Amino acid sequence: MFKKTDPNPQLNMFTAPSMQLGSRASKKYSDPNAWHNQFYSLVTTKIDEDIFKPLFPEGKKSGRPNASIRILVAMSVLKEGFGCSDEDLFEKCEFDLLTRKALGLELLTDVPPSIDTYYLFRRRICDYQERTGIDLMQLCFEHIAGNQVRLLKISGKSVRMDSKLIGSNIARQSRYELIHTTLARFLKTCTLTKLSTEQKERAKAYLEEDSSKTVYRSDSESLQSSLAIIGNFIMDMLVAFPETSPEHNLLQRLFDEQYVVKDGKAVLRDKKEVKADSLQNPNDPDATYRSKNDQKVQGYVTNLTETVEEGKPSIITSVQVETAVFADCHFLQEAVKNSERVTNSTIEELYADGAYQSPDNREFAKNHNAMQLKTGKMQGGCRWELIPHDEDGLTVREIATGNTYEAVKAVTKQGNRKRWRVPWNNKTGWRYFEDKDIKAGLLRKLIESLPLEEQHKRNNVEATVFQYGFHTRNGKTRYRGLLKHRMHAYSRCMWINLRRMVIFQISTFQRPIFALFGPIRKAFGSFKAISQKIFTRGFDCYVSLRMTTLVRLNSKYVPF
């Protein structure tokens, strides 16, 4: 049964920590600028519990009232903020006064939700998204971020974005380990009595086998033979147990990705034929593979979008998590819509790196109120400089050597498509250029002509990406599955936004005090000169006063 948290709980002076602590501790505990009080006022109290109402159906079988939803959501944010385990989180919620105050548990007698309630709540969020496609944590994040943007009066007309590869909490497996562990998971759900005696013995052998030891003790030839044998056994199992189940579907997917059937036998595919979105580990079927620079990840990619405004903190307005094979350029359009929904304003400038450049995104920016898409250098090298002239003329300059060629227009049968060519490879071949190459060259020049100030505005988003992955271990999270990684990302970004607001408020409070040093420096010079003048004048006054006193007392001079 759905029940909202009481916004004005009854306090008790005998169980309130502020009444039991000493004056100094009580002052720190009640400080409105302390992080726990800021968290309570900016996050916990701003959680809209009506968003999660669909998780608790009405009716006779609705059961007892739910635990406080805003406390459950706030606990997820605190966990990702601290980077702690579930056990450490609940220990803090039980015995840490500051954590309890951040959650709104102001009395010593207030009881936090149990760990079972916490897990059930998270499971319900994932199940609801699988059924309906609605991400309740995203709605909660956007609601809180929107309140923070309005509180700080951030316009939201300028944003920047970047992505980060994040690893799932799975082990990297060899090909044989992957196939064997997936088969073993399937066999554990089957009734082996349906199998023949030979199949039953082989199934028991696979269940008892340690695939990592098999790989360690085998050479490449014996492994290839074992992979062929296990492939044919998998094909027999899929026929013997046609029932549809998650384990059956996973084994069928693995077989289709790793094998091909020829003449009624399973033949192992070449490694080059296995795609990056293939199964990486049966413990996380959503995880995919991606290699970026020197980083090889089995997991997901997170795209973060934040506001850019002079004199105000950058607030994350859009969080997107997809499988690792998802290209950066595909995030842009949805991220713009998400940010505009949070800030309630139209984006005029967007800063990103060259990976977000694509013809679709440029067309989207053009039609989206002429939004300026300011990116870094485009992906891929630039070997040629294309200089169009006249109506169909084209001059081609090789950047490395400086050689210049006058391109000849080539004949094409594809409608209005224009092509040019220049002699290449010692004049035994041709190098062709098209309209899209000329447009790409002009775009490169336009990007390079941006002022350095504009180019550097994107760089600070790297700090957000770093903070997002700060608590990961070797680039891996504590979670498995796409939906859980999304919940992790929303919670972590809510914490980042909070910390930025707290730091901004502290710096804003101190700014008027430090601003006074400007006129003082202008009148007296540097701080060093100011201190020297103050010390000299004070010392002279002290000596004068001391000597006057000695003369008046008519006493002997005593060095001081």
Protein backbone atom coordinates (compact mmCIF):
# COMPACT_ATOMS: atom_id res chain seq x y z
CA MET A 1 0.00 0.00 0.00
CA PHE A 2 1.37 3.40 -0.99
CA LYS A 3 1.89 5.90 1.81
CA LYS A 4 3.76 9.20 1.75
CA THR A 5 6.35 10.17 4.33
CA ASP A 6 5.13 12.57 6.98
CA PRO A 7 6.73 15.94 6.07
CA ASN A 8 6.46 17.20 9.68
CA PRO A 9 7.36 14.33 12.05
CA GLN A 10 6.82 14.77 15.78
CA LEU A 11 10.09 15.53 17.58
CA ASN A 12 11.04 14.39 21.06
CA MET A 13 13.48 16.41 23.13
CA PHE A 14 14.57 13.30 25.06
CA THR A 15 15.60 11.29 21.95
CA ALA A 16 16.82 14.11 19.70
CA PRO A 17 20.66 13.95 19.38
CA SER A 18 20.95 17.74 19.43
CA MET A 19 19.58 17.71 22.99
CA GLN A 20 21.98 15.03 24.17
CA LEU A 21 25.22 16.33 22.63
CA GLY A 22 27.52 18.95 24.07
CA SER A 23 27.27 22.55 22.95
CA ARG A 24 30.12 22.35 20.44
CA ALA A 25 28.97 19.03 18.93
CA SER A 26 25.36 20.19 18.90
CA LYS A 27 26.36 23.33 17.01
CA LYS A 28 28.09 21.30 14.30
CA TYR A 29 25.22 18.82 14.18
CA SER A 30 22.67 21.61 13.64
CA ASP A 31 24.82 23.72 11.28
CA PRO A 32 22.58 24.40 8.23
CA ASN A 33 25.66 24.59 5.96
CA ALA A 34 26.96 21.15 6.97
CA TRP A 35 26.76 18.45 4.30
CA HIS A 36 24.18 16.30 6.12
CA ASN A 37 21.74 19.19 6.53
CA GLN A 38 22.33 20.30 2.94
CA PHE A 39 21.68 16.75 1.75
CA TYR A 40 18.45 16.59 3.70
CA SER A 41 17.18 19.93 2.39
CA LEU A 42 18.38 19.63 -1.24
CA VAL A 43 17.93 15.90 -1.90
CA THR A 44 15.91 13.97 0.67
CA THR A 45 13.05 16.45 1.03
CA LYS A 46 12.97 17.11 -2.74
CA ILE A 47 12.30 13.48 -3.73
CA ASP A 48 8.82 13.26 -5.25
CA GLU A 49 7.36 10.07 -3.80
CA ASP A 50 4.38 10.14 -6.20
CA ILE A 51 6.78 9.09 -8.98
CA PHE A 52 7.12 5.66 -7.33
CA LYS A 53 3.42 5.21 -6.59
CA PRO A 54 2.93 2.67 -9.47
CA LEU A 55 5.20 0.25 -7.59
CA PHE A 56 2.58 -0.17 -4.86
CA PRO A 57 -0.80 -1.28 -6.28
CA GLU A 58 -4.06 -0.42 -4.56
CA GLY A 59 -6.56 -3.03 -3.45
CA LYS A 60 -7.32 -5.58 -0.78
CA LYS A 61 -4.05 -7.46 -1.35
CA SER A 62 -1.90 -4.36 -1.25
CA GLY A 63 -0.39 -5.32 2.12
CA ARG A 64 1.05 -3.12 4.82
CA PRO A 65 2.14 0.49 4.10
CA ASN A 66 5.48 0.86 2.38
CA ALA A 67 8.61 2.16 4.05
CA SER A 68 9.57 5.78 3.46
CA ILE A 69 10.31 6.04 -0.27
CA ARG A 70 12.37 9.17 0.01
CA ILE A 71 14.60 7.49 2.60
CA LEU A 72 15.10 4.46 0.32
CA VAL A 73 16.05 6.67 -2.64
CA ALA A 74 18.28 8.86 -0.47
CA MET A 75 20.04 5.74 0.81
CA SER A 76 20.94 4.81 -2.79
CA VAL A 77 22.38 8.29 -3.32
CA LEU A 78 24.40 8.13 -0.11
CA LYS A 79 25.75 4.71 -1.02
CA GLU A 80 27.12 5.92 -4.34
CA GLY A 81 28.34 9.13 -2.72
CA PHE A 82 30.34 7.27 -0.07
CA GLY A 83 31.31 4.47 -2.46
CA CYS A 84 30.57 1.92 0.26
CA SER A 85 29.08 -1.55 0.31
CA ASP A 86 25.50 -2.32 1.33
CA GLU A 87 26.72 -3.60 4.70
CA ASP A 88 28.62 -0.36 5.39
CA LEU A 89 25.63 1.70 4.26
CA PHE A 90 23.25 0.07 6.73
CA GLU A 91 25.81 0.35 9.50
CA LYS A 92 25.99 4.10 8.86
CA CYS A 93 22.19 4.34 8.79
CA GLU A 94 22.00 2.63 12.18
CA PHE A 95 24.85 4.29 14.10
CA ASP A 96 26.16 7.36 12.20
CA LEU A 97 24.30 10.45 13.46
CA LEU A 98 25.20 12.57 10.42
CA THR A 99 23.99 9.93 7.96
CA ARG A 100 20.76 9.53 9.92
CA LYS A 101 20.23 13.30 9.90
CA ALA A 102 20.81 13.37 6.13
CA LEU A 103 18.04 10.79 5.72
CA GLY A 104 15.66 12.62 8.04
CA LEU A 105 16.02 10.16 10.94
CA GLU A 106 16.30 12.90 13.56
CA LEU A 107 15.39 10.84 16.62
CA LEU A 108 17.45 8.05 18.11
CA THR A 109 14.31 5.90 18.14
CA ASP A 110 13.71 6.29 14.37
CA VAL A 111 14.26 2.97 12.59
CA PRO A 112 15.73 2.92 9.05
CA PRO A 113 14.33 0.50 6.42
CA SER A 114 15.63 -3.05 6.56
CA ILE A 115 18.03 -4.38 3.95
CA ASP A 116 15.30 -6.67 2.56
CA THR A 117 13.01 -3.67 2.02
CA TYR A 118 15.89 -1.83 0.32
CA TYR A 119 16.55 -4.72 -2.10
CA LEU A 120 12.84 -5.25 -2.79
CA PHE A 121 12.41 -1.58 -3.67
CA ARG A 122 15.30 -1.66 -6.16
CA ARG A 123 14.01 -4.91 -7.66
CA ARG A 124 10.55 -3.40 -8.13
CA ILE A 125 12.06 -0.43 -9.99
CA CYS A 126 13.89 -2.76 -12.41
CA ASP A 127 10.85 -5.00 -12.92
CA TYR A 128 8.61 -2.00 -13.59
CA GLN A 129 11.03 -0.67 -16.22
CA GLU A 130 11.20 -4.06 -17.94
CA ARG A 131 7.39 -4.21 -18.11
CA THR A 132 6.62 -0.63 -19.09
CA GLY A 133 9.89 0.88 -20.35
CA ILE A 134 9.52 3.76 -17.85
CA ASP A 135 12.61 4.54 -15.79
CA LEU A 136 11.36 5.88 -12.45
CA MET A 137 14.87 6.73 -11.23
CA GLN A 138 15.36 8.91 -14.31
CA LEU A 139 12.15 10.79 -13.52
CA CYS A 140 13.29 11.24 -9.91
CA PHE A 141 16.73 12.47 -11.01
CA GLU A 142 15.27 14.96 -13.48
CA HIS A 143 12.84 16.27 -10.85
CA ILE A 144 15.64 16.93 -8.33
CA ALA A 145 18.03 18.37 -10.96
CA GLY A 146 15.25 20.67 -12.21
CA ASN A 147 14.71 22.02 -8.68
CA GLN A 148 18.45 22.65 -8.31
CA VAL A 149 18.66 24.45 -11.66
CA ARG A 150 15.75 26.72 -10.74
CA LEU A 151 17.18 27.36 -7.27
CA LEU A 152 20.50 28.53 -8.75
CA LYS A 153 18.74 30.34 -11.64
CA ILE A 154 20.83 28.55 -14.26
CA SER A 155 19.66 29.35 -17.78
CA GLY A 156 20.61 26.00 -19.35
CA LYS A 157 21.23 27.58 -22.76
CA SER A 158 24.77 26.22 -22.88
CA VAL A 159 25.69 22.59 -22.13
CA ARG A 160 28.59 20.19 -22.63
CA MET A 161 28.77 16.41 -22.68
CA ASP A 162 31.16 13.51 -22.62
CA SER A 163 31.02 9.73 -22.24
CA LYS A 164 32.86 7.15 -20.15
CA LEU A 165 33.27 3.41 -20.56
CA ILE A 166 32.38 1.56 -17.38
CA GLY A 167 33.07 -2.11 -16.69
CA SER A 168 30.54 -4.57 -15.33
CA ASN A 169 31.31 -6.65 -12.24
CA ILE A 170 32.20 -9.75 -14.26
CA ALA A 171 35.36 -11.75 -14.86
CA ARG A 172 37.07 -11.76 -18.24
CA GLN A 173 36.66 -15.28 -19.64
CA SER A 174 38.36 -17.22 -22.39
CA ARG A 175 36.24 -18.62 -25.19
CA TYR A 176 36.05 -22.10 -23.68
CA GLU A 177 35.23 -20.73 -20.22
CA LEU A 178 32.40 -18.64 -21.66
CA ILE A 179 30.84 -21.54 -23.53
CA HIS A 180 31.28 -24.01 -20.67
CA THR A 181 29.87 -21.76 -17.90
CA THR A 182 26.83 -20.88 -20.03
CA LEU A 183 26.17 -24.56 -20.70
CA ALA A 184 26.61 -25.45 -17.01
CA ARG A 185 24.07 -22.77 -15.98
CA PHE A 186 21.59 -24.26 -18.44
CA LEU A 187 22.16 -27.87 -17.29
CA LYS A 188 21.50 -26.94 -13.65
CA THR A 189 17.93 -25.98 -14.63
CA CYS A 190 17.25 -29.16 -16.64
CA THR A 191 15.91 -32.56 -15.64
CA LEU A 192 18.70 -34.88 -16.75
CA THR A 193 16.52 -37.98 -16.60
CA LYS A 194 15.20 -37.13 -20.06
CA LEU A 195 18.67 -37.67 -21.56
CA SER A 196 20.25 -40.85 -22.78
CA THR A 197 22.87 -42.57 -20.66
CA GLU A 198 25.76 -41.17 -22.72
CA GLN A 199 24.35 -37.64 -22.69
CA LYS A 200 23.66 -37.86 -18.97
CA GLU A 201 27.26 -38.85 -18.19
CA ARG A 202 28.64 -36.07 -20.38
CA ALA A 203 26.31 -33.53 -18.75
CA LYS A 204 27.47 -34.59 -15.27
CA ALA A 205 31.10 -34.31 -16.43
CA TYR A 206 30.50 -30.74 -17.64
CA LEU A 207 28.80 -29.84 -14.35
CA GLU A 208 31.76 -31.12 -12.33
CA GLU A 209 34.43 -29.61 -14.61
CA ASP A 210 36.37 -26.48 -13.69
CA SER A 211 36.75 -24.70 -17.04
CA SER A 212 39.56 -22.41 -15.85
CA LYS A 213 41.72 -25.45 -14.97
CA THR A 214 40.87 -27.07 -18.30
CA VAL A 215 42.12 -23.99 -20.16
CA TYR A 216 45.27 -23.85 -18.02
CA ARG A 217 46.20 -27.49 -18.67
CA SER A 218 45.30 -27.65 -22.37
CA ASP A 219 47.11 -26.51 -25.50
CA SER A 220 45.41 -24.73 -28.40
CA GLU A 221 44.80 -27.90 -30.45
CA SER A 222 43.09 -29.79 -27.61
CA LEU A 223 41.00 -26.71 -26.81
CA GLN A 224 39.81 -26.48 -30.41
CA SER A 225 38.80 -30.13 -30.26
CA SER A 226 36.99 -29.59 -26.93
CA LEU A 227 35.16 -26.56 -28.36
CA ALA A 228 33.90 -28.64 -31.28
CA ILE A 229 32.69 -31.44 -28.98
CA ILE A 230 30.92 -29.07 -26.58
CA GLY A 231 29.31 -27.24 -29.51
CA ASN A 232 27.66 -30.43 -30.80
CA PHE A 233 26.55 -31.29 -27.26
CA ILE A 234 24.93 -27.84 -26.92
CA MET A 235 23.09 -28.39 -30.20
CA ASP A 236 21.72 -31.69 -28.84
CA MET A 237 20.64 -30.04 -25.56
CA LEU A 238 18.75 -27.28 -27.36
CA VAL A 239 16.82 -29.96 -29.26
CA ALA A 240 16.23 -32.14 -26.18
CA PHE A 241 14.94 -29.20 -24.07
CA PRO A 242 12.93 -26.92 -26.34
CA GLU A 243 11.23 -25.17 -23.41
CA THR A 244 11.72 -21.43 -23.43
CA SER A 245 13.45 -20.06 -20.33
CA PRO A 246 16.05 -17.35 -19.65
CA GLU A 247 18.81 -19.97 -19.47
CA HIS A 248 17.59 -21.65 -22.70
CA ASN A 249 17.47 -18.31 -24.55
CA LEU A 250 20.94 -17.42 -23.30
CA LEU A 251 22.40 -20.75 -24.46
CA GLN A 252 20.67 -20.36 -27.84
CA ARG A 253 22.16 -16.87 -28.21
CA LEU A 254 25.62 -18.16 -27.32
CA PHE A 255 25.35 -21.01 -29.83
CA ASP A 256 24.27 -18.67 -32.64
CA GLU A 257 27.11 -16.26 -31.88
CA GLN A 258 29.91 -18.82 -31.51
CA TYR A 259 28.91 -21.64 -33.90
CA VAL A 260 27.48 -22.22 -37.34
CA VAL A 261 25.74 -25.46 -38.40
CA LYS A 262 27.23 -27.18 -41.45
CA ASP A 263 26.10 -30.63 -42.63
CA GLY A 264 24.26 -31.17 -39.33
CA LYS A 265 27.34 -30.46 -37.19
CA ALA A 266 28.32 -27.43 -35.09
CA VAL A 267 31.39 -25.69 -36.49
CA LEU A 268 33.18 -23.05 -34.40
CA ARG A 269 33.18 -19.59 -35.97
CA ASP A 270 36.38 -17.70 -36.61
CA LYS A 271 37.15 -15.15 -33.89
CA LYS A 272 36.88 -12.32 -36.40
CA GLU A 273 33.27 -13.27 -37.10
CA VAL A 274 32.22 -12.90 -33.45
CA LYS A 275 30.78 -9.41 -32.97
CA ALA A 276 31.44 -6.99 -30.12
CA ASP A 277 27.84 -7.21 -28.90
CA SER A 278 28.14 -10.97 -28.33
CA LEU A 279 27.77 -12.53 -24.89
CA GLN A 280 30.76 -11.68 -22.65
CA ASN A 281 29.76 -13.48 -19.46
CA PRO A 282 26.57 -15.40 -18.59
CA ASN A 283 26.37 -13.51 -15.28
CA ASP A 284 25.67 -10.28 -17.20
CA PRO A 285 23.99 -10.90 -20.56
CA ASP A 286 23.63 -7.14 -21.23
CA ALA A 287 27.37 -6.39 -21.13
CA THR A 288 29.18 -5.93 -24.46
CA TYR A 289 32.79 -5.41 -25.52
CA ARG A 290 34.50 -2.24 -26.68
CA SER A 291 38.10 -1.21 -27.17
CA LYS A 292 38.85 2.54 -26.95
CA ASN A 293 42.45 3.69 -27.14
CA ASP A 294 44.25 1.44 -24.60
CA GLN A 295 41.05 0.66 -22.67
CA LYS A 296 39.27 -2.65 -23.19
CA VAL A 297 35.91 -2.84 -21.44
CA GLN A 298 33.23 -5.48 -21.00
CA GLY A 299 30.29 -3.47 -19.82
CA TYR A 300 28.57 -0.19 -20.61
CA VAL A 301 29.03 3.41 -21.67
CA THR A 302 27.65 6.38 -19.71
CA ASN A 303 26.99 9.77 -21.31
CA LEU A 304 26.81 12.83 -19.02
CA THR A 305 25.46 16.27 -19.95
CA GLU A 306 25.92 19.32 -17.72
CA THR A 307 25.21 23.03 -17.82
CA VAL A 308 27.87 25.66 -18.59
CA GLU A 309 27.41 29.13 -17.11
CA GLU A 310 29.94 31.64 -15.86
CA GLY A 311 29.94 32.09 -12.10
CA LYS A 312 27.60 29.16 -11.38
CA PRO A 313 28.20 25.45 -10.76
CA SER A 314 27.73 22.92 -13.55
CA ILE A 315 24.65 20.80 -12.82
CA ILE A 316 24.30 17.41 -14.52
CA THR A 317 20.99 17.47 -16.40
CA SER A 318 21.09 14.25 -18.45
CA VAL A 319 22.41 10.76 -17.67
CA GLN A 320 22.34 8.02 -20.30
CA VAL A 321 23.65 4.47 -19.93
CA GLU A 322 23.77 1.99 -22.82
CA THR A 323 25.79 -1.08 -23.78
CA ALA A 324 29.45 -0.45 -24.59
CA VAL A 325 28.96 -0.78 -28.38
CA PHE A 326 26.67 2.28 -28.41
CA ALA A 327 28.37 5.10 -30.36
CA ASP A 328 28.81 8.52 -28.73
CA CYS A 329 27.14 10.38 -31.58
CA HIS A 330 23.88 8.49 -30.95
CA PHE A 331 23.57 10.03 -27.46
CA LEU A 332 23.40 13.65 -28.56
CA GLN A 333 19.81 14.15 -29.69
CA GLU A 334 18.22 12.43 -26.70
CA ALA A 335 20.60 14.24 -24.32
CA VAL A 336 19.50 17.60 -25.72
CA LYS A 337 15.83 16.71 -25.17
CA ASN A 338 16.53 15.49 -21.62
CA SER A 339 18.46 18.66 -20.69
CA GLU A 340 15.81 20.96 -22.12
CA ARG A 341 13.14 19.11 -20.18
CA VAL A 342 15.12 19.62 -16.93
CA THR A 343 16.12 23.27 -17.48
CA ASN A 344 12.89 24.24 -19.28
CA SER A 345 14.90 26.26 -21.80
CA THR A 346 16.21 25.80 -25.33
CA ILE A 347 19.88 24.89 -25.78
CA GLU A 348 21.78 27.36 -27.93
CA GLU A 349 25.35 26.06 -27.56
CA LEU A 350 26.58 22.49 -27.14
CA TYR A 351 30.23 21.61 -26.45
CA ALA A 352 31.49 18.07 -27.09
CA ASP A 353 34.44 16.21 -28.57
CA GLY A 354 34.75 15.10 -32.18
CA ALA A 355 33.09 11.73 -31.55
CA TYR A 356 29.70 13.46 -31.41
CA GLN A 357 30.01 14.77 -34.97
CA SER A 358 27.76 13.07 -37.53
CA PRO A 359 25.61 14.22 -40.48
CA ASP A 360 22.43 13.44 -38.52
CA ASN A 361 23.58 15.50 -35.53
CA ARG A 362 24.56 18.44 -37.71
CA GLU A 363 21.16 18.35 -39.39
CA PHE A 364 19.49 18.08 -35.97
CA ALA A 365 21.42 21.12 -34.67
CA LYS A 366 20.51 23.10 -37.78
CA ASN A 367 16.79 22.38 -37.38
CA HIS A 368 16.87 22.79 -33.59
CA ASN A 369 16.67 26.58 -33.47
CA ALA A 370 20.07 26.76 -35.19
CA MET A 371 21.83 25.29 -32.15
CA GLN A 372 25.60 25.73 -32.35
CA LEU A 373 27.37 22.38 -32.21
CA LYS A 374 30.92 23.18 -31.08
CA THR A 375 33.08 20.07 -31.03
CA GLY A 376 36.75 19.20 -30.89
CA LYS A 377 38.68 17.79 -33.80
CA MET A 378 36.79 15.24 -35.87
CA GLN A 379 37.73 11.59 -35.68
CA GLY A 380 40.15 10.27 -38.29
CA GLY A 381 43.22 11.92 -39.73
CA CYS A 382 43.20 14.65 -42.34
CA ARG A 383 45.61 13.75 -45.13
CA TRP A 384 44.25 16.00 -47.87
CA GLU A 385 43.22 19.63 -48.12
CA LEU A 386 40.42 20.09 -50.64
CA ILE A 387 40.09 23.55 -52.23
CA PRO A 388 37.00 23.92 -54.46
CA HIS A 389 36.98 26.64 -57.11
CA ASP A 390 34.86 27.69 -60.06
CA GLU A 391 31.75 25.57 -60.52
CA ASP A 392 33.17 22.05 -60.63
CA GLY A 393 36.89 22.67 -60.10
CA LEU A 394 38.83 21.09 -57.21
CA THR A 395 42.44 21.47 -56.12
CA VAL A 396 43.86 18.76 -53.89
CA ARG A 397 46.90 19.37 -51.65
CA GLU A 398 48.66 16.57 -49.80
CA ILE A 399 49.35 17.98 -46.34
CA ALA A 400 52.38 15.79 -45.55
CA THR A 401 54.36 16.60 -48.73
CA GLY A 402 52.74 19.82 -49.88
CA ASN A 403 52.20 18.41 -53.39
CA THR A 404 49.27 19.93 -55.27
CA TYR A 405 47.04 18.15 -57.77
CA GLU A 406 44.31 19.48 -60.01
CA ALA A 407 41.47 17.00 -59.71
CA VAL A 408 39.59 15.73 -62.74
CA LYS A 409 35.84 15.33 -62.58
CA ALA A 410 34.91 11.65 -62.70
CA VAL A 411 31.85 10.17 -64.36
CA THR A 412 29.25 8.65 -62.03
CA LYS A 413 25.98 6.87 -62.65
CA GLN A 414 24.47 7.75 -59.26
CA GLY A 415 22.27 10.76 -60.08
CA ASN A 416 23.58 14.18 -59.01
CA ARG A 417 26.48 12.73 -57.05
CA LYS A 418 29.77 14.50 -57.91
CA ARG A 419 33.16 12.82 -57.85
CA TRP A 420 36.71 13.93 -58.59
CA ARG A 421 39.92 11.96 -58.91
CA VAL A 422 43.67 12.52 -58.84
CA PRO A 423 46.50 10.18 -59.91
CA TRP A 424 47.71 8.09 -57.00
CA ASN A 425 50.08 5.24 -56.22
CA ASN A 426 52.74 6.29 -58.76
CA LYS A 427 50.03 7.13 -61.30
CA THR A 428 48.90 3.52 -61.54
CA GLY A 429 45.68 4.18 -59.64
CA TRP A 430 43.24 6.92 -58.72
CA ARG A 431 42.23 8.59 -55.47
CA TYR A 432 38.58 9.63 -55.50
CA PHE A 433 36.88 12.48 -53.63
CA GLU A 434 33.19 13.27 -53.24
CA ASP A 435 30.95 16.10 -52.06
CA LYS A 436 30.93 14.71 -48.51
CA ASP A 437 34.75 14.90 -48.38
CA ILE A 438 34.64 18.58 -49.33
CA LYS A 439 32.00 19.26 -46.67
CA ALA A 440 34.07 17.39 -44.07
CA GLY A 441 37.13 19.47 -44.98
CA LEU A 442 35.22 22.72 -44.61
CA LEU A 443 33.86 21.53 -41.27
CA ARG A 444 37.40 20.75 -40.03
CA LYS A 445 38.48 24.28 -40.92
CA LEU A 446 35.46 25.73 -39.13
CA ILE A 447 36.23 23.72 -35.97
CA GLU A 448 39.90 24.74 -36.02
CA SER A 449 38.92 28.41 -36.40
CA LEU A 450 37.04 28.44 -33.07
CA PRO A 451 38.72 30.65 -30.43
CA LEU A 452 40.73 28.78 -27.81
CA GLU A 453 38.34 30.05 -25.15
CA GLU A 454 35.46 28.26 -26.85
CA GLN A 455 37.47 25.11 -27.47
CA HIS A 456 38.48 24.88 -23.79
CA LYS A 457 34.92 25.13 -22.46
CA ARG A 458 34.42 21.43 -23.12
CA ASN A 459 37.47 20.36 -21.14
CA ASN A 460 35.96 20.78 -17.67
CA VAL A 461 33.44 18.02 -18.36
CA GLU A 462 36.38 15.63 -17.90
CA ALA A 463 36.23 16.45 -14.18
CA THR A 464 32.61 15.28 -14.10
CA VAL A 465 33.54 12.05 -15.86
CA PHE A 466 36.37 11.51 -13.37
CA GLN A 467 34.09 12.09 -10.38
CA TYR A 468 31.49 9.74 -11.83
CA GLY A 469 33.96 6.84 -11.94
CA PHE A 470 35.86 7.81 -8.78
CA HIS A 471 34.69 4.86 -6.66
CA THR A 472 35.03 2.21 -9.36
CA ARG A 473 37.65 -0.51 -8.89
CA ASN A 474 39.83 -0.98 -11.96
CA GLY A 475 37.10 0.75 -13.95
CA LYS A 476 34.41 -1.68 -12.74
CA THR A 477 31.27 -1.01 -10.72
CA ARG A 478 29.71 -3.27 -8.10
CA TYR A 479 26.76 -4.15 -10.35
CA ARG A 480 25.67 -6.38 -13.20
CA GLY A 481 22.98 -5.59 -15.72
CA LEU A 482 22.00 -2.51 -17.70
CA LEU A 483 19.16 -1.40 -15.41
CA LYS A 484 21.28 -1.58 -12.26
CA HIS A 485 24.02 0.43 -13.93
CA ARG A 486 21.46 3.09 -14.78
CA MET A 487 20.34 3.27 -11.15
CA HIS A 488 23.98 3.56 -10.10
CA ALA A 489 24.58 6.40 -12.58
CA TYR A 490 21.53 8.42 -11.48
CA SER A 491 22.41 8.07 -7.80
CA ARG A 492 26.05 8.97 -8.32
CA CYS A 493 25.17 12.06 -10.39
CA MET A 494 22.66 13.26 -7.76
CA TRP A 495 25.51 13.16 -5.25
CA ILE A 496 27.86 15.07 -7.60
CA ASN A 497 25.23 17.79 -8.11
CA LEU A 498 24.77 18.10 -4.34
CA ARG A 499 28.49 18.46 -3.65
CA ARG A 500 28.80 21.15 -6.31
CA MET A 501 25.93 23.11 -4.80
CA VAL A 502 27.42 22.90 -1.29
CA ILE A 503 30.86 24.04 -2.52
CA PHE A 504 29.24 26.85 -4.52
CA GLN A 505 27.32 28.10 -1.48
CA ILE A 506 30.47 28.06 0.66
CA SER A 507 32.50 29.93 -1.96
CA THR A 508 29.68 32.43 -2.52
CA PHE A 509 29.48 33.11 1.22
CA GLN A 510 33.23 33.74 1.44
CA ARG A 511 33.50 35.77 -1.77
CA PRO A 512 32.33 39.14 -0.33
CA ILE A 513 34.93 38.88 2.45
CA PHE A 514 37.82 38.23 0.06
CA ALA A 515 36.50 40.88 -2.31
CA LEU A 516 37.48 43.52 0.28
CA PHE A 517 41.16 42.80 -0.36
CA GLY A 518 40.88 44.32 -3.84
CA PRO A 519 40.61 47.98 -2.74
CA ILE A 520 43.14 47.37 0.04
CA ARG A 521 45.69 45.98 -2.43
CA LYS A 522 45.06 48.89 -4.75
CA ALA A 523 45.72 51.43 -1.97
CA PHE A 524 48.72 49.81 -0.27
CA GLY A 525 50.19 47.37 -2.78
CA SER A 526 50.71 43.63 -2.41
CA PHE A 527 49.74 41.58 0.64
CA LYS A 528 53.40 41.32 1.56
CA ALA A 529 53.75 45.09 1.51
CA ILE A 530 50.56 45.47 3.57
CA SER A 531 51.83 43.10 6.24
CA GLN A 532 55.24 44.82 6.38
CA LYS A 533 53.63 48.25 6.77
CA ILE A 534 51.30 47.02 9.50
CA PHE A 535 54.18 45.36 11.38
CA THR A 536 56.48 48.41 11.02
CA ARG A 537 53.87 50.91 12.18
CA GLY A 538 52.80 48.69 15.06
CA PHE A 539 56.41 48.15 16.15
CA ASP A 540 57.17 51.91 16.03
CA CYS A 541 54.10 52.66 18.12
CA TYR A 542 55.09 50.01 20.65
CA VAL A 543 58.67 51.38 21.00
CA SER A 544 57.42 54.94 21.35
CA LEU A 545 54.96 53.97 24.04
CA ARG A 546 57.58 51.91 25.91
CA MET A 547 60.18 54.68 25.91
CA THR A 548 57.61 57.26 27.05
CA THR A 549 56.69 55.06 29.99
CA LEU A 550 60.34 54.59 30.99
CA VAL A 551 61.01 58.32 30.91
CA ARG A 552 57.94 59.07 33.00
CA LEU A 553 58.97 56.52 35.62
CA ASN A 554 62.55 57.84 35.59
CA SER A 555 63.82 54.28 35.58
CA LYS A 556 66.78 52.70 33.94
CA TYR A 557 66.39 51.48 30.37
CA VAL A 558 65.72 47.78 30.31
CA PRO A 559 65.96 46.13 26.87
CA PHE A 560 62.74 44.50 25.84
